[in-house]
């Protein structure tokens, strides 16, 4: 049997421990701490946006157009340049800094023997695309154009066109073509 002093002392220790826990403090014999970490991450993949787009899309849609001025059935060299969808001369390509994008001019809907053609019904008219305003550097079908190493500034990708009747009389009509392009990074 415990004497009444021992029981009082034991119940006093229990009361002190209960009060300490209730007040949010631990008795001295339970002091300590633990630490941990929180993982935070974000994976950013390289990307390019064309003509000021705010999202990356697998299908760029029509990125621009080259519209030659109306001509009579017999005409010499007629030049035009690409106007980007939304305005501006040439395409505006903004890519992740450090990436090395390429822009490939692919085939058109009416190509034959490695040459682009516009068509009006069964009638066809050859045209050529160039990377320089002097029209000395032709862009071949399927040719990739290296844009260099991307920075925080957009690349301007001009494309120039030239068409001629080449001394032949061309049938009247509305001649069109659709050329595929690919931006890779």
N, C-alpha and C. Protein backbone atom coordinates (compact mmCIF):
# COMPACT_ATOMS: atom_id res chain seq x y z
N UNK A 1 0.81 -1.17 0.00
CA UNK A 1 0.00 0.00 0.00
C UNK A 1 0.85 1.23 0.00
N UNK A 2 0.33 2.19 -0.73
CA UNK A 2 1.05 3.45 -0.80
C UNK A 2 0.55 4.35 0.32
N UNK A 3 1.45 5.06 0.88
CA UNK A 3 1.00 5.99 1.90
C UNK A 3 0.36 7.19 1.20
N UNK A 4 -0.36 8.02 1.90
CA UNK A 4 -1.10 9.12 1.29
C UNK A 4 -0.18 10.17 0.69
N UNK A 5 1.02 10.38 1.20
CA UNK A 5 1.96 11.34 0.61
C UNK A 5 2.43 10.85 -0.75
N UNK A 6 2.73 9.56 -0.88
CA UNK A 6 3.19 9.00 -2.14
C UNK A 6 2.08 9.07 -3.17
N UNK A 7 0.82 8.78 -2.73
CA UNK A 7 -0.31 8.88 -3.67
C UNK A 7 -0.51 10.32 -4.11
N UNK A 8 -0.33 11.29 -3.22
CA UNK A 8 -0.49 12.70 -3.56
C UNK A 8 0.57 13.14 -4.55
N UNK A 9 1.81 12.70 -4.31
CA UNK A 9 2.91 13.05 -5.20
C UNK A 9 2.69 12.43 -6.57
N UNK A 10 2.23 11.20 -6.67
CA UNK A 10 1.98 10.54 -7.96
C UNK A 10 0.84 11.22 -8.69
N UNK A 11 -0.24 11.59 -7.96
CA UNK A 11 -1.36 12.25 -8.62
C UNK A 11 -0.98 13.67 -9.03
N UNK A 12 -0.07 14.33 -8.30
CA UNK A 12 0.41 15.67 -8.67
C UNK A 12 1.22 15.63 -9.95
N UNK A 13 2.05 14.61 -10.14
CA UNK A 13 2.84 14.45 -11.37
C UNK A 13 1.92 14.21 -12.55
N UNK A 14 0.86 13.41 -12.32
CA UNK A 14 -0.10 13.13 -13.39
C UNK A 14 -0.84 14.41 -13.74
N UNK A 15 -1.21 15.21 -12.76
CA UNK A 15 -1.89 16.46 -13.00
C UNK A 15 -0.99 17.43 -13.75
N UNK A 16 0.30 17.52 -13.42
CA UNK A 16 1.23 18.42 -14.11
C UNK A 16 1.40 18.00 -15.56
N UNK A 17 1.48 16.70 -15.81
CA UNK A 17 1.62 16.21 -17.17
C UNK A 17 0.36 16.51 -17.97
N UNK A 18 -0.81 16.33 -17.38
CA UNK A 18 -2.08 16.61 -18.05
C UNK A 18 -2.20 18.09 -18.39
N UNK A 19 -1.84 18.97 -17.49
CA UNK A 19 -1.87 20.41 -17.72
C UNK A 19 -0.89 20.80 -18.82
N UNK A 20 0.30 20.24 -18.80
CA UNK A 20 1.31 20.55 -19.81
C UNK A 20 0.84 20.15 -21.20
N UNK A 21 0.23 19.00 -21.32
CA UNK A 21 -0.28 18.55 -22.62
C UNK A 21 -1.43 19.44 -23.06
N UNK A 22 -2.33 19.79 -22.15
CA UNK A 22 -3.47 20.64 -22.48
C UNK A 22 -3.02 22.02 -22.92
N UNK A 23 -1.97 22.55 -22.39
CA UNK A 23 -1.47 23.87 -22.74
C UNK A 23 -0.53 23.84 -23.95
N UNK A 24 -0.27 22.68 -24.49
CA UNK A 24 0.58 22.58 -25.67
C UNK A 24 2.04 22.51 -25.34
N UNK A 25 2.40 22.31 -24.14
CA UNK A 25 3.80 22.16 -23.78
C UNK A 25 4.03 20.74 -23.32
N UNK A 26 5.17 20.26 -23.60
CA UNK A 26 5.48 18.89 -23.21
C UNK A 26 6.37 18.93 -21.98
N UNK A 27 6.27 17.91 -21.21
CA UNK A 27 7.18 17.85 -20.07
C UNK A 27 8.62 17.81 -20.56
N UNK A 28 9.54 18.18 -19.74
CA UNK A 28 10.95 18.30 -20.12
C UNK A 28 11.51 17.01 -20.68
N UNK A 29 11.03 15.88 -20.22
CA UNK A 29 11.60 14.62 -20.68
C UNK A 29 11.17 14.26 -22.10
N UNK A 30 10.17 15.00 -22.74
CA UNK A 30 9.70 14.69 -24.08
C UNK A 30 10.14 15.75 -25.10
N UNK A 31 11.07 16.63 -24.76
CA UNK A 31 11.49 17.70 -25.66
C UNK A 31 12.21 17.14 -26.88
N UNK A 32 12.04 17.79 -28.06
CA UNK A 32 12.70 17.38 -29.29
C UNK A 32 12.03 18.03 -30.48
N UNK A 33 12.51 17.74 -31.65
CA UNK A 33 11.90 18.28 -32.87
C UNK A 33 12.20 17.34 -34.04
N UNK A 34 11.45 17.52 -35.11
CA UNK A 34 11.66 16.76 -36.34
C UNK A 34 11.63 17.73 -37.51
N UNK A 35 12.33 17.42 -38.54
CA UNK A 35 12.33 18.27 -39.73
C UNK A 35 11.99 17.41 -40.94
N UNK A 36 11.56 18.04 -41.99
CA UNK A 36 11.24 17.36 -43.24
C UNK A 36 11.41 18.31 -44.40
N UNK A 37 11.01 17.90 -45.54
CA UNK A 37 11.15 18.73 -46.74
C UNK A 37 9.86 18.70 -47.54
N UNK A 38 9.71 19.65 -48.42
CA UNK A 38 8.62 19.68 -49.39
C UNK A 38 9.27 19.72 -50.76
N UNK A 39 8.94 18.78 -51.62
CA UNK A 39 9.47 18.78 -52.98
C UNK A 39 8.61 19.65 -53.88
N UNK A 40 9.25 20.53 -54.61
CA UNK A 40 8.56 21.41 -55.56
C UNK A 40 9.28 21.26 -56.89
N UNK A 41 8.53 21.02 -57.97
CA UNK A 41 9.20 20.85 -59.26
C UNK A 41 8.32 21.31 -60.40
N UNK A 42 8.93 21.57 -61.53
CA UNK A 42 8.25 21.93 -62.76
C UNK A 42 9.14 21.51 -63.90
N UNK A 43 8.63 20.71 -64.80
CA UNK A 43 9.36 20.34 -66.00
C UNK A 43 8.90 21.24 -67.12
N UNK A 44 9.80 21.95 -67.75
CA UNK A 44 9.48 22.82 -68.88
C UNK A 44 10.14 22.23 -70.10
N UNK A 45 9.33 21.94 -71.10
CA UNK A 45 9.88 21.41 -72.34
C UNK A 45 10.08 22.56 -73.32
N UNK A 46 10.99 22.38 -74.23
CA UNK A 46 11.24 23.40 -75.24
C UNK A 46 9.99 23.59 -76.08
N UNK A 47 9.74 24.81 -76.49
CA UNK A 47 8.55 25.11 -77.27
C UNK A 47 8.81 26.29 -78.19
N UNK A 48 7.99 26.41 -79.20
CA UNK A 48 8.02 27.56 -80.10
C UNK A 48 6.59 28.01 -80.35
N UNK A 49 6.41 29.30 -80.48
CA UNK A 49 5.12 29.88 -80.82
C UNK A 49 5.30 30.69 -82.10
N UNK A 50 4.32 30.62 -82.97
CA UNK A 50 4.38 31.30 -84.26
C UNK A 50 3.40 32.46 -84.29
N UNK A 51 3.86 33.59 -84.81
CA UNK A 51 3.03 34.77 -85.00
C UNK A 51 2.31 35.23 -83.73
N UNK A 52 3.01 35.18 -82.60
CA UNK A 52 2.48 35.71 -81.35
C UNK A 52 1.45 34.83 -80.68
N UNK A 53 1.34 33.56 -81.06
CA UNK A 53 0.38 32.66 -80.42
C UNK A 53 0.68 32.56 -78.93
N UNK A 54 -0.36 32.33 -78.15
CA UNK A 54 -0.20 32.22 -76.71
C UNK A 54 -0.22 30.77 -76.23
N UNK A 55 -0.36 29.86 -77.17
CA UNK A 55 -0.34 28.43 -76.82
C UNK A 55 0.39 27.68 -77.92
N UNK A 56 0.95 26.55 -77.55
CA UNK A 56 1.64 25.70 -78.50
C UNK A 56 0.61 24.76 -79.10
N UNK A 57 0.61 24.64 -80.42
CA UNK A 57 -0.35 23.78 -81.08
C UNK A 57 0.37 22.83 -82.02
N UNK A 58 -0.14 21.62 -82.13
CA UNK A 58 0.44 20.64 -83.05
C UNK A 58 0.14 21.04 -84.49
N UNK A 59 -0.99 21.70 -84.71
CA UNK A 59 -1.35 22.16 -86.04
C UNK A 59 -1.34 23.69 -86.04
N UNK A 60 -0.42 24.27 -86.79
CA UNK A 60 -0.28 25.72 -86.80
C UNK A 60 -1.37 26.41 -87.61
N UNK A 61 -2.09 25.67 -88.43
CA UNK A 61 -3.07 26.28 -89.31
C UNK A 61 -2.35 27.09 -90.38
N UNK A 62 -3.04 28.01 -91.01
CA UNK A 62 -2.40 28.85 -92.03
C UNK A 62 -1.58 29.91 -91.32
N UNK A 63 -0.27 29.88 -91.52
CA UNK A 63 0.61 30.82 -90.83
C UNK A 63 0.85 32.10 -91.61
N UNK A 64 0.45 32.11 -92.87
CA UNK A 64 0.63 33.30 -93.70
C UNK A 64 0.20 33.03 -95.11
N UNK A 65 0.39 34.03 -95.97
CA UNK A 65 0.03 33.86 -97.37
C UNK A 65 0.96 34.69 -98.26
N UNK A 66 1.11 34.22 -99.47
CA UNK A 66 1.85 34.95 -100.50
C UNK A 66 0.85 35.22 -101.61
N UNK A 67 0.50 36.46 -101.83
CA UNK A 67 -0.50 36.83 -102.83
C UNK A 67 0.18 37.65 -103.93
N UNK A 68 0.29 37.07 -105.10
CA UNK A 68 0.85 37.77 -106.25
C UNK A 68 -0.20 38.72 -106.80
N UNK A 69 0.25 39.85 -107.33
CA UNK A 69 -0.66 40.81 -107.95
C UNK A 69 -1.26 40.21 -109.22
N UNK A 70 -2.48 40.62 -109.54
CA UNK A 70 -3.15 40.15 -110.76
C UNK A 70 -2.28 40.44 -111.97
N UNK A 71 -2.29 39.50 -112.92
CA UNK A 71 -1.47 39.63 -114.13
C UNK A 71 -2.30 39.28 -115.36
N UNK A 72 -1.92 39.84 -116.52
CA UNK A 72 -2.56 39.40 -117.77
C UNK A 72 -2.00 38.01 -118.14
N UNK A 73 -2.50 37.38 -119.16
CA UNK A 73 -2.10 36.03 -119.54
C UNK A 73 -0.64 35.85 -119.89
N UNK A 74 0.07 36.91 -120.21
CA UNK A 74 1.49 36.84 -120.55
C UNK A 74 2.21 37.87 -119.68
N UNK A 75 3.14 37.41 -118.86
CA UNK A 75 3.80 38.34 -117.93
C UNK A 75 5.18 37.84 -117.57
N UNK A 76 6.01 38.77 -117.15
CA UNK A 76 7.37 38.45 -116.71
C UNK A 76 7.39 38.14 -115.22
N UNK A 77 8.59 38.24 -114.62
CA UNK A 77 8.72 37.96 -113.19
C UNK A 77 7.79 38.84 -112.37
N UNK A 78 7.02 38.21 -111.53
CA UNK A 78 6.15 38.91 -110.60
C UNK A 78 6.50 38.41 -109.20
N UNK A 79 6.81 39.33 -108.31
CA UNK A 79 7.28 38.99 -106.99
C UNK A 79 6.24 39.31 -105.91
N UNK A 80 6.29 38.55 -104.85
CA UNK A 80 5.46 38.79 -103.68
C UNK A 80 6.20 38.23 -102.47
N UNK A 81 5.79 38.62 -101.29
CA UNK A 81 6.42 38.07 -100.09
C UNK A 81 5.34 37.64 -99.11
N UNK A 82 5.74 36.76 -98.21
CA UNK A 82 4.81 36.21 -97.23
C UNK A 82 4.36 37.30 -96.27
N UNK A 83 3.07 37.32 -96.03
CA UNK A 83 2.49 38.17 -94.99
C UNK A 83 1.95 37.21 -93.94
N UNK A 84 2.41 37.37 -92.73
CA UNK A 84 2.02 36.46 -91.64
C UNK A 84 0.55 36.64 -91.30
N UNK A 85 -0.07 35.54 -90.90
CA UNK A 85 -1.43 35.61 -90.40
C UNK A 85 -1.41 36.56 -89.20
N UNK A 86 -2.28 37.53 -89.20
CA UNK A 86 -2.28 38.53 -88.14
C UNK A 86 -1.45 39.74 -88.49
N UNK A 87 -0.79 39.72 -89.66
CA UNK A 87 -0.01 40.87 -90.12
C UNK A 87 1.48 40.68 -89.93
N UNK A 88 2.22 41.52 -90.54
CA UNK A 88 3.67 41.47 -90.44
C UNK A 88 4.30 40.74 -91.61
N UNK A 89 5.49 41.19 -91.97
CA UNK A 89 6.20 40.53 -93.07
C UNK A 89 7.03 39.40 -92.49
N UNK A 90 6.86 38.24 -93.01
CA UNK A 90 7.57 37.07 -92.51
C UNK A 90 6.89 36.51 -91.28
N UNK A 91 7.28 35.29 -90.96
CA UNK A 91 6.75 34.64 -89.77
C UNK A 91 7.51 35.11 -88.55
N UNK A 92 6.84 35.22 -87.44
CA UNK A 92 7.48 35.52 -86.16
C UNK A 92 7.49 34.22 -85.37
N UNK A 93 8.71 33.73 -85.06
CA UNK A 93 8.87 32.46 -84.36
C UNK A 93 9.63 32.71 -83.07
N UNK A 94 8.96 32.48 -81.94
CA UNK A 94 9.56 32.66 -80.62
C UNK A 94 9.71 31.30 -79.98
N UNK A 95 10.95 30.93 -79.65
CA UNK A 95 11.24 29.60 -79.11
C UNK A 95 11.93 29.70 -77.75
N UNK A 96 11.92 28.60 -77.05
CA UNK A 96 12.62 28.52 -75.77
C UNK A 96 14.09 28.86 -75.97
N UNK A 97 14.65 29.77 -75.17
CA UNK A 97 16.07 30.11 -75.29
C UNK A 97 16.95 28.86 -75.22
N UNK A 98 17.93 28.82 -76.10
CA UNK A 98 18.85 27.69 -76.16
C UNK A 98 18.45 26.62 -77.15
N UNK A 99 17.18 26.61 -77.58
CA UNK A 99 16.77 25.61 -78.56
C UNK A 99 17.26 26.04 -79.95
N UNK A 100 17.31 25.09 -80.86
CA UNK A 100 17.79 25.36 -82.22
C UNK A 100 16.72 24.94 -83.22
N UNK A 101 15.71 25.76 -83.41
CA UNK A 101 14.59 25.40 -84.27
C UNK A 101 14.94 25.42 -85.75
N UNK A 102 14.19 24.61 -86.50
CA UNK A 102 14.27 24.62 -87.97
C UNK A 102 12.86 24.78 -88.51
N UNK A 103 12.77 25.43 -89.64
CA UNK A 103 11.50 25.66 -90.32
C UNK A 103 11.62 25.00 -91.69
N UNK A 104 10.76 24.02 -91.96
CA UNK A 104 10.84 23.29 -93.22
C UNK A 104 9.67 23.65 -94.11
N UNK A 105 9.98 24.01 -95.34
CA UNK A 105 8.97 24.28 -96.35
C UNK A 105 8.78 22.97 -97.11
N UNK A 106 7.60 22.40 -96.97
CA UNK A 106 7.34 21.10 -97.57
C UNK A 106 6.71 21.20 -98.94
N UNK A 107 5.99 20.18 -99.26
CA UNK A 107 5.37 20.10 -100.58
C UNK A 107 4.08 20.90 -100.62
N UNK A 108 3.70 21.23 -101.83
CA UNK A 108 2.43 21.89 -102.07
C UNK A 108 1.43 20.89 -102.62
N UNK A 109 0.20 21.31 -102.77
CA UNK A 109 -0.85 20.41 -103.23
C UNK A 109 -0.70 20.05 -104.71
N UNK A 110 0.08 20.83 -105.46
CA UNK A 110 0.16 20.63 -106.91
C UNK A 110 1.57 20.38 -107.41
N UNK A 111 2.51 20.03 -106.53
CA UNK A 111 3.91 19.85 -106.92
C UNK A 111 4.07 18.76 -107.98
N UNK A 112 5.08 18.96 -108.79
CA UNK A 112 5.45 17.95 -109.78
C UNK A 112 6.93 18.11 -110.09
N UNK A 113 7.64 17.01 -110.13
CA UNK A 113 9.07 17.00 -110.48
C UNK A 113 9.89 17.97 -109.65
N UNK A 114 9.59 18.08 -108.36
CA UNK A 114 10.36 18.93 -107.46
C UNK A 114 10.11 20.42 -107.62
N UNK A 115 9.00 20.81 -108.25
CA UNK A 115 8.66 22.22 -108.46
C UNK A 115 7.28 22.49 -107.89
N UNK A 116 7.13 23.65 -107.24
CA UNK A 116 5.81 24.09 -106.76
C UNK A 116 5.00 24.61 -107.93
N UNK A 117 3.72 24.25 -107.94
CA UNK A 117 2.79 24.76 -108.95
C UNK A 117 1.53 25.26 -108.27
N UNK A 118 1.00 26.37 -108.81
CA UNK A 118 -0.36 26.79 -108.47
C UNK A 118 -1.25 26.20 -109.55
N UNK A 119 -2.50 25.89 -109.20
CA UNK A 119 -3.41 25.30 -110.17
C UNK A 119 -4.72 26.06 -110.21
N UNK A 120 -5.29 26.10 -111.39
CA UNK A 120 -6.63 26.60 -111.62
C UNK A 120 -7.31 25.54 -112.47
N UNK A 121 -8.08 24.69 -111.82
CA UNK A 121 -8.63 23.53 -112.53
C UNK A 121 -7.48 22.65 -112.98
N UNK A 122 -7.45 22.31 -114.28
CA UNK A 122 -6.38 21.46 -114.82
C UNK A 122 -5.14 22.27 -115.22
N UNK A 123 -5.23 23.59 -115.20
CA UNK A 123 -4.10 24.45 -115.60
C UNK A 123 -3.15 24.66 -114.42
N UNK A 124 -1.85 24.61 -114.71
CA UNK A 124 -0.85 24.79 -113.66
C UNK A 124 0.16 25.86 -114.06
N UNK A 125 0.71 26.51 -113.03
CA UNK A 125 1.68 27.57 -113.23
C UNK A 125 2.76 27.43 -112.16
N UNK A 126 4.02 27.27 -112.60
CA UNK A 126 5.14 27.08 -111.66
C UNK A 126 5.45 28.38 -110.92
N UNK A 127 5.87 28.23 -109.68
CA UNK A 127 6.35 29.36 -108.89
C UNK A 127 7.48 28.87 -108.01
N UNK A 128 8.25 29.82 -107.46
CA UNK A 128 9.41 29.47 -106.63
C UNK A 128 9.38 30.29 -105.34
N UNK A 129 9.92 29.69 -104.27
CA UNK A 129 10.03 30.36 -102.98
C UNK A 129 11.50 30.58 -102.65
N UNK A 130 11.79 31.71 -102.00
CA UNK A 130 13.17 32.10 -101.69
C UNK A 130 13.27 32.57 -100.25
N UNK A 131 14.48 32.49 -99.72
CA UNK A 131 14.72 32.96 -98.35
C UNK A 131 15.30 34.37 -98.32
N UNK A 132 15.58 34.95 -99.48
CA UNK A 132 16.15 36.31 -99.52
C UNK A 132 15.36 37.19 -100.48
N UNK A 133 15.36 38.47 -100.19
CA UNK A 133 14.58 39.42 -100.99
C UNK A 133 15.10 39.55 -102.42
N UNK A 134 16.37 39.25 -102.66
CA UNK A 134 16.92 39.28 -104.01
C UNK A 134 16.54 38.07 -104.83
N UNK A 135 15.89 37.11 -104.17
CA UNK A 135 15.43 35.89 -104.82
C UNK A 135 16.57 35.14 -105.52
N UNK A 136 17.65 34.99 -104.78
CA UNK A 136 18.80 34.23 -105.29
C UNK A 136 18.96 32.89 -104.56
N UNK A 137 18.38 32.75 -103.37
CA UNK A 137 18.50 31.52 -102.60
C UNK A 137 17.13 30.84 -102.53
N UNK A 138 16.92 29.90 -103.44
CA UNK A 138 15.64 29.22 -103.52
C UNK A 138 15.49 28.23 -102.36
N UNK A 139 14.28 28.13 -101.87
CA UNK A 139 13.94 27.15 -100.83
C UNK A 139 13.35 25.94 -101.55
N UNK A 140 14.09 24.85 -101.54
CA UNK A 140 13.63 23.64 -102.20
C UNK A 140 12.53 22.96 -101.41
N UNK A 141 11.76 22.14 -102.07
CA UNK A 141 10.70 21.38 -101.42
C UNK A 141 11.32 20.44 -100.39
N UNK A 142 10.88 20.54 -99.16
CA UNK A 142 11.40 19.71 -98.08
C UNK A 142 12.67 20.26 -97.44
N UNK A 143 13.09 21.43 -97.85
CA UNK A 143 14.31 22.01 -97.31
C UNK A 143 14.07 22.65 -95.95
N UNK A 144 14.92 22.29 -94.99
CA UNK A 144 14.84 22.87 -93.64
C UNK A 144 15.68 24.14 -93.60
N UNK A 145 15.14 25.16 -93.00
CA UNK A 145 15.85 26.42 -92.80
C UNK A 145 16.22 26.50 -91.32
N UNK A 146 17.50 26.50 -91.01
CA UNK A 146 17.94 26.61 -89.62
C UNK A 146 17.75 28.05 -89.17
N UNK A 147 17.12 28.24 -88.02
CA UNK A 147 16.87 29.58 -87.51
C UNK A 147 17.96 30.06 -86.56
N UNK A 148 18.87 29.18 -86.17
CA UNK A 148 19.93 29.55 -85.23
C UNK A 148 19.56 29.15 -83.82
N UNK A 149 20.27 29.68 -82.85
CA UNK A 149 20.00 29.38 -81.44
C UNK A 149 19.06 30.43 -80.89
N UNK A 150 17.97 29.97 -80.31
CA UNK A 150 16.93 30.87 -79.82
C UNK A 150 17.39 31.66 -78.59
N UNK A 151 16.93 32.89 -78.53
CA UNK A 151 17.11 33.75 -77.37
C UNK A 151 15.71 34.17 -76.93
N UNK A 152 15.58 35.21 -76.18
CA UNK A 152 14.26 35.69 -75.77
C UNK A 152 13.63 36.60 -76.82
N UNK A 153 14.26 36.72 -77.97
CA UNK A 153 13.75 37.53 -79.08
C UNK A 153 13.25 36.61 -80.19
N UNK A 154 12.12 36.96 -80.78
CA UNK A 154 11.54 36.14 -81.85
C UNK A 154 12.40 36.21 -83.12
N UNK A 155 12.43 35.09 -83.83
CA UNK A 155 13.05 35.06 -85.15
C UNK A 155 12.05 35.63 -86.15
N UNK A 156 12.53 36.34 -87.15
CA UNK A 156 11.70 36.74 -88.27
C UNK A 156 12.09 35.85 -89.44
N UNK A 157 11.12 35.13 -89.98
CA UNK A 157 11.39 34.20 -91.07
C UNK A 157 10.67 34.71 -92.32
N UNK A 158 11.38 35.47 -93.16
CA UNK A 158 10.74 35.96 -94.38
C UNK A 158 10.77 34.87 -95.47
N UNK A 159 9.74 34.86 -96.28
CA UNK A 159 9.70 33.97 -97.44
C UNK A 159 9.21 34.81 -98.62
N UNK A 160 9.93 34.70 -99.71
CA UNK A 160 9.64 35.49 -100.91
C UNK A 160 9.25 34.56 -102.04
N UNK A 161 8.31 35.02 -102.85
CA UNK A 161 7.87 34.21 -103.98
C UNK A 161 8.09 34.91 -105.31
N UNK A 162 8.19 34.10 -106.36
CA UNK A 162 8.32 34.65 -107.72
C UNK A 162 7.57 33.71 -108.66
N UNK A 163 6.83 34.32 -109.57
CA UNK A 163 6.11 33.57 -110.59
C UNK A 163 6.31 34.30 -111.92
N UNK A 164 6.29 33.56 -113.01
CA UNK A 164 6.41 34.12 -114.35
C UNK A 164 5.68 33.21 -115.32
N UNK A 165 5.15 33.80 -116.38
CA UNK A 165 4.52 32.96 -117.40
C UNK A 165 5.58 32.35 -118.31
N UNK A 166 6.83 32.76 -118.13
CA UNK A 166 7.98 32.24 -118.90
C UNK A 166 7.75 32.29 -120.41
N UNK A 167 7.14 33.37 -120.87
CA UNK A 167 6.96 33.59 -122.30
C UNK A 167 5.75 32.88 -122.88
N UNK A 168 5.04 32.11 -122.07
CA UNK A 168 3.85 31.41 -122.56
C UNK A 168 2.60 32.18 -122.12
N UNK A 169 1.53 32.04 -122.89
CA UNK A 169 0.26 32.63 -122.50
C UNK A 169 -0.43 31.66 -121.54
N UNK A 170 -0.79 32.17 -120.36
CA UNK A 170 -1.39 31.35 -119.32
C UNK A 170 -2.91 31.52 -119.37
N UNK A 171 -3.64 30.41 -119.24
CA UNK A 171 -5.10 30.46 -119.23
C UNK A 171 -5.59 31.31 -118.06
N UNK A 172 -6.65 32.06 -118.30
CA UNK A 172 -7.25 32.88 -117.23
C UNK A 172 -7.81 31.96 -116.15
N UNK A 173 -7.73 32.40 -114.90
CA UNK A 173 -8.27 31.62 -113.80
C UNK A 173 -7.69 32.09 -112.48
N UNK A 174 -8.18 31.52 -111.42
CA UNK A 174 -7.68 31.81 -110.08
C UNK A 174 -6.76 30.66 -109.68
N UNK A 175 -5.46 30.90 -109.68
CA UNK A 175 -4.45 29.88 -109.40
C UNK A 175 -4.12 29.89 -107.92
N UNK A 176 -4.11 28.71 -107.31
CA UNK A 176 -3.82 28.60 -105.88
C UNK A 176 -2.98 27.36 -105.59
N UNK A 177 -2.38 27.36 -104.43
CA UNK A 177 -1.64 26.21 -103.93
C UNK A 177 -1.64 26.33 -102.40
N UNK A 178 -1.42 25.21 -101.75
CA UNK A 178 -1.27 25.18 -100.29
C UNK A 178 0.00 24.41 -99.99
N UNK A 179 0.98 25.09 -99.38
CA UNK A 179 2.27 24.49 -99.08
C UNK A 179 2.31 24.11 -97.60
N UNK A 180 2.78 22.92 -97.32
CA UNK A 180 2.92 22.44 -95.94
C UNK A 180 4.21 22.99 -95.35
N UNK A 181 4.17 23.40 -94.11
CA UNK A 181 5.38 23.86 -93.40
C UNK A 181 5.45 23.15 -92.05
N UNK A 182 6.68 22.97 -91.56
CA UNK A 182 6.88 22.31 -90.28
C UNK A 182 7.90 23.11 -89.47
N UNK A 183 7.57 23.38 -88.24
CA UNK A 183 8.50 24.01 -87.30
C UNK A 183 8.93 22.93 -86.31
N UNK A 184 10.22 22.71 -86.23
CA UNK A 184 10.74 21.70 -85.30
C UNK A 184 11.74 22.35 -84.36
N UNK A 185 11.80 21.86 -83.12
CA UNK A 185 12.75 22.38 -82.14
C UNK A 185 13.25 21.29 -81.27
